[in-house]
Amino acid sequence: MTIAIVLGIVVVALVLFTLDTIPIEVSSLGVVCLLALTGVLTPAQAFEGFSNDTVIFIFTLLAMTQGLASTGVVQLVGQRLAFFARFGHQTFVMAMMVVVAVFSSVISNTVTTAAFLPVAIGAANRAKVPKSKVLLPLAYASMLGGMVFLFGTSTNLVMSAALERMGMRGIGVAELAPVGLPVAILGIFVVVLLGPLLLPSREGKGGEEEWTLRDYLTEAVLTEDSRYIDKPLAEITEGLGLRVIGIVRDGRAVSAVPTEVLRGDERLLVEGTREDILRVKDLRGIEIRPDLRLADEEQLDKDTALVEASVPSGSPLVGRSLKEALFVERFGLVSLALHRHPSIQRVTKLQLLGRIFGERRMSLLPLAVGDVLLLRGPRAKVAELADGGALVVLSGHDYQPPRYGKALLAVTLFLGALAAGSLDIVPLSVAGLTGMLAMIATGCVDARKAFRVDWRVVLLIGSMMALGLAMEVSGAGRFLGQRVAELGDYGGPRTVLVALMLLTIILSAPMSNQAAALVVLPVALNAATQLGVDMRPFAMGVTLAASCSFITPLEPSCVLVYGPGHYRFTDFFRLGTPLTALLLCVLTVAVPWVWPFDGAKAQASVSVDGGAQADLVQHARLVAEHPLQSLAHGGLIASVGGDGQAEEERLVPVLGLGQLSVEAGERRVREAFGEQ
């Protein structure tokens, strides 16, 4: 009855996730409540996932990612990556996926996705490509990269630890690479080819995002120590992905051709989105409009906000320039850029270039109704602006200039925390918390910004762990697994392997990848023993398959892009189904080739004395009487040879005894040692 309840809740969860009428994090919390209300889990068990070591580690990694962004590490990588946007959508997506997959092979999938999310959004805006065409490939690239090395995903680490608890050798650092690397490369090519056809062209409606896509005009000059002096304009336009639409030198307009050499005494007219203007603001060697800035602007890195404000009808600013209105003195804010109606903006460009009405600087342009200013300044001044009638605040967000001087420290703390947790020097959660607190203490990131993570990810992972536990304690996962193992009667080991990998992929949809793999692993090892083949290919197949579930957005990396990309549940199904099917076919061929079925004797002959066998039989009785407790502790039965040394291969014949009687368990142990 309990199994039926759990499977029913799984169906309800999948329906809710598919309909998408309720936010996915709310639906997942509803699943936790159902499990507790039906008595499948105790309240303590239902909420146990939120205190899980991995969940806490993921939260701290997301917080430390904020530190990498605050110190400019992500921006520096993004500037190089944005270069490929000029070669077209598919070229950019491929370059992005390759870079993300490389990072993800040694860093958590979720962390990699979170780190590159703003980079991908900015590059998509610059290339005029809908974010829905870019962000899902970003998430998939992080998942594909996680299949290459042991540290690429927490699922690999969890499975390695489980194998060691079961008496087998853990997964080597590069053991997955012979299969994971080709699979990752193939997956990237598939997404690049099919993505433009299967992904929607969808953008947000209303709100702040519309303003993000607005084109602004601004002026910039090179500083005296700028590295771009005596360099061609292409160093800025192509190397940094900026749009310089004109150059004013000695009062004359100069064509902004890529080969034009910059002397350092010219004004650059730059056009771009809000993100483009911010990148110019943060670049070393380039300054935005130095003729109009706050005297204490360099001290504005603590409590600074960025807002977009429109000039309304009746505003005292109408018909007056920023300089005439004493804008800085009156409002205490810096105007970084100006947006106008497209027809007016074209005339404004000509004015700034001196081609009509004589040369004009931006601070001398008369403002008109409907003009939008991109403003930066203290939060208190922004609040005062909202209370006045001169400007109408359209949108705003916190802004802090990158702290480039702490970039190396941030990277060191991040990698140190990752290494300490991955190498078991300290628990994962402790390593993550230590790294996060160290970043805050050293000023790499403000505490307020560090805790500004996507809590939906934490809620979803914690909730899905509760469902995974329910599948375990109720026997629902084992029930499904045993039905699959019966396929061994109709086909060879490859058929059973495919069925187990497919089951892992299916279970990865409602459950976390780790939970799905851990539920299937005992069944897979037991099936290998019954078939008389090596257990390694089954263990590796389940591990890799757990990272191949691209059909639903329940993977944390997919959750991160779900909102910003404006995706629907069916979008993942449309692209993820052919990708998952193809990779499953590749795993079917590659896994037995790298880890042959006859690689080791699954039923090795072992000589044991009577006392050791008696201990094993007694242990089998305990396992049969308390299967859940035994499963929870991993190892189940440790077989001992006559010389007192543990024999790894003797462990597996008694896996899965939870569904056997005590007598059947004893008989299985005796059969394993060649006695009837």
Foldseek 3Di string as FASTA:
>chain_A
DLLVQLVVLLVVLVVCQFVCPDPNLVSLVVSLVSCCVVPLDPNCLSQVLLVDLVLLLLLLLLLLLLLLVQQCVLVVVLQQLLLQLVVDDLSSLLSLLVVLLQVLLQAALLSSLSNCVVSLVQSCLLSVAASQLRSLSSSLSSLLSLQAFQNNHVLSVLLQVLCVLQQHHGQHGGLRRVQSVVLSVVLSVLCSVCSVPQTDRDADDDDDVVQQSAKWKFKKFFDPPAPQAQHFLCCCCNSRVWDFQWKAAPQAIDGNDRRDGHHRRIMTITMGGPVRLVSQCQDPRMHIPPVFDDPVVVVFQPAKKKFKKFFAPPAPQAQFFQVRVVVCVPLVKTFRTKGDDVVVVVVVVCQCNQNPPGHDHRRGDRDHGGMMTIIMGGPVSVVVVCVDNRIHTRDMDGDGRNSNVCNVVSVVLSVQLSVCCSVPVDPSSVSSVVSSVVCCVVVSDPPVSSSPGDCSLSSLQSSQVSSLVSCQSSVNLVVVLVVLLVCVVVDPPLSSLLSLLVQLLVSCASHPLNSSLLSNLLSQLQSLLVRFWDSVLSSSSSSSSSSLNQQFQSHSSSVVVCVNSVDGGRSSNRSSVVSSVVSSVSSSPPSCVSVPRRNDGLLDAAAADPVQLVVQLVLLLVCCVPVSVLSVSNNSGFHAGHVRDTDSSLSSQQRPSPPPHSVVSSVSSCVSNPHD
